[in-house]
């Protein structure tokens, strides 16, 4: 469960970075 949460957080951060660039 902890691994899934970490994966979700990483996904959110990645999305935020992409939005910031675009």
PDB file of N, CA and C in Angstrom:
ATOM      1  N   UNK A   1       0.839  -1.200   0.000  1.00  0.00           N
ATOM      2  CA  UNK A   1       0.000   0.000   0.000  1.00  0.00           C
ATOM      3  C   UNK A   1       0.876   1.254   0.000  1.00  0.00           C
ATOM      4  N   UNK A   2       1.947   1.208   0.784  1.00  0.00           N
ATOM      5  CA  UNK A   2       2.845   2.367   0.848  1.00  0.00           C
ATOM      6  C   UNK A   2       3.481   2.617  -0.517  1.00  0.00           C
ATOM      7  N   UNK A   3       3.803   1.532  -1.214  1.00  0.00           N
ATOM      8  CA  UNK A   3       4.443   1.679  -2.526  1.00  0.00           C
ATOM      9  C   UNK A   3       3.494   2.370  -3.502  1.00  0.00           C
ATOM     10  N   UNK A   4       2.227   1.971  -3.456  1.00  0.00           N
ATOM     11  CA  UNK A   4       1.230   2.567  -4.354  1.00  0.00           C
ATOM     12  C   UNK A   4       1.100   4.056  -4.076  1.00  0.00           C
ATOM     13  N   UNK A   5       1.123   4.417  -2.785  1.00  0.00           N
ATOM     14  CA  UNK A   5       0.986   5.828  -2.412  1.00  0.00           C
ATOM     15  C   UNK A   5       2.170   6.617  -2.957  1.00  0.00           C
ATOM     16  N   UNK A   6       3.359   6.057  -2.822  1.00  0.00           N
ATOM     17  CA  UNK A   6       4.562   6.741  -3.303  1.00  0.00           C
ATOM     18  C   UNK A   6       4.476   6.930  -4.817  1.00  0.00           C
ATOM     19  N   UNK A   7       3.941   5.914  -5.487  1.00  0.00           N
ATOM     20  CA  UNK A   7       3.819   5.984  -6.945  1.00  0.00           C
ATOM     21  C   UNK A   7       2.846   7.099  -7.338  1.00  0.00           C
ATOM     22  N   UNK A   8       1.754   7.217  -6.576  1.00  0.00           N
ATOM     23  CA  UNK A   8       0.752   8.252  -6.869  1.00  0.00           C
ATOM     24  C   UNK A   8       1.363   9.630  -6.690  1.00  0.00           C
ATOM     25  N   UNK A   9       2.120   9.803  -5.606  1.00  0.00           N
ATOM     26  CA  UNK A   9       2.751  11.099  -5.328  1.00  0.00           C
ATOM     27  C   UNK A   9       3.703  11.451  -6.460  1.00  0.00           C
ATOM     28  N   UNK A  10       4.487  10.468  -6.895  1.00  0.00           N
ATOM     29  CA  UNK A  10       5.454  10.712  -7.970  1.00  0.00           C
ATOM     30  C   UNK A  10       4.723  11.125  -9.247  1.00  0.00           C
ATOM     31  N   UNK A  11       3.567  10.468  -9.481  1.00  0.00           N
ATOM     32  CA  UNK A  11       2.787  10.781 -10.680  1.00  0.00           C
ATOM     33  C   UNK A  11       2.284  12.220 -10.614  1.00  0.00           C
ATOM     34  N   UNK A  12       1.826  12.623  -9.435  1.00  0.00           N
ATOM     35  CA  UNK A  12       1.307  13.987  -9.267  1.00  0.00           C
ATOM     36  C   UNK A  12       2.416  15.005  -9.484  1.00  0.00           C
ATOM     37  N   UNK A  13       3.593  14.722  -8.947  1.00  0.00           N
ATOM     38  CA  UNK A  13       4.726  15.646  -9.086  1.00  0.00           C
ATOM     39  C   UNK A  13       5.107  15.767 -10.563  1.00  0.00           C
ATOM     40  N   UNK A  14       5.134  14.608 -11.237  1.00  0.00           N
ATOM     41  CA  UNK A  14       5.492  14.610 -12.656  1.00  0.00           C
ATOM     42  C   UNK A  14       4.488  15.444 -13.447  1.00  0.00           C
ATOM     43  N   UNK A  15       3.208  15.286 -13.139  1.00  0.00           N
ATOM     44  CA  UNK A  15       2.154  16.036 -13.837  1.00  0.00           C
ATOM     45  C   UNK A  15       2.322  17.528 -13.571  1.00  0.00           C
ATOM     46  N   UNK A  16       2.650  17.875 -12.331  1.00  0.00           N
ATOM     47  CA  UNK A  16       2.817  19.288 -11.966  1.00  0.00           C
ATOM     48  C   UNK A  16       3.987  19.895 -12.740  1.00  0.00           C
ATOM     49  N   UNK A  17       5.069  19.141 -12.865  1.00  0.00           N
ATOM     50  CA  UNK A  17       6.249  19.636 -13.586  1.00  0.00           C
ATOM     51  C   UNK A  17       5.903  19.840 -15.060  1.00  0.00           C
ATOM     52  N   UNK A  18       5.186  18.868 -15.636  1.00  0.00           N
ATOM     53  CA  UNK A  18       4.804  18.980 -17.048  1.00  0.00           C
ATOM     54  C   UNK A  18       3.937  20.207 -17.258  1.00  0.00           C
ATOM     55  N   UNK A  19       3.002  20.447 -16.355  1.00  0.00           N
ATOM     56  CA  UNK A  19       2.118  21.618 -16.480  1.00  0.00           C
ATOM     57  C   UNK A  19       2.926  22.898 -16.344  1.00  0.00           C
ATOM     58  N   UNK A  20       3.907  22.886 -15.462  1.00  0.00           N
ATOM     59  CA  UNK A  20       4.727  24.083 -15.241  1.00  0.00           C
ATOM     60  C   UNK A  20       5.523  24.404 -16.514  1.00  0.00           C
ATOM     61  N   UNK A  21       6.051  23.370 -17.154  1.00  0.00           N
ATOM     62  CA  UNK A  21       6.835  23.566 -18.374  1.00  0.00           C
ATOM     63  C   UNK A  21       5.926  24.044 -19.503  1.00  0.00           C
ATOM     64  N   UNK A  22       4.760  23.389 -19.630  1.00  0.00           N
ATOM     65  CA  UNK A  22       3.833  23.748 -20.705  1.00  0.00           C
ATOM     66  C   UNK A  22       3.016  24.951 -20.271  1.00  0.00           C
TER      67      UNK A  22
END
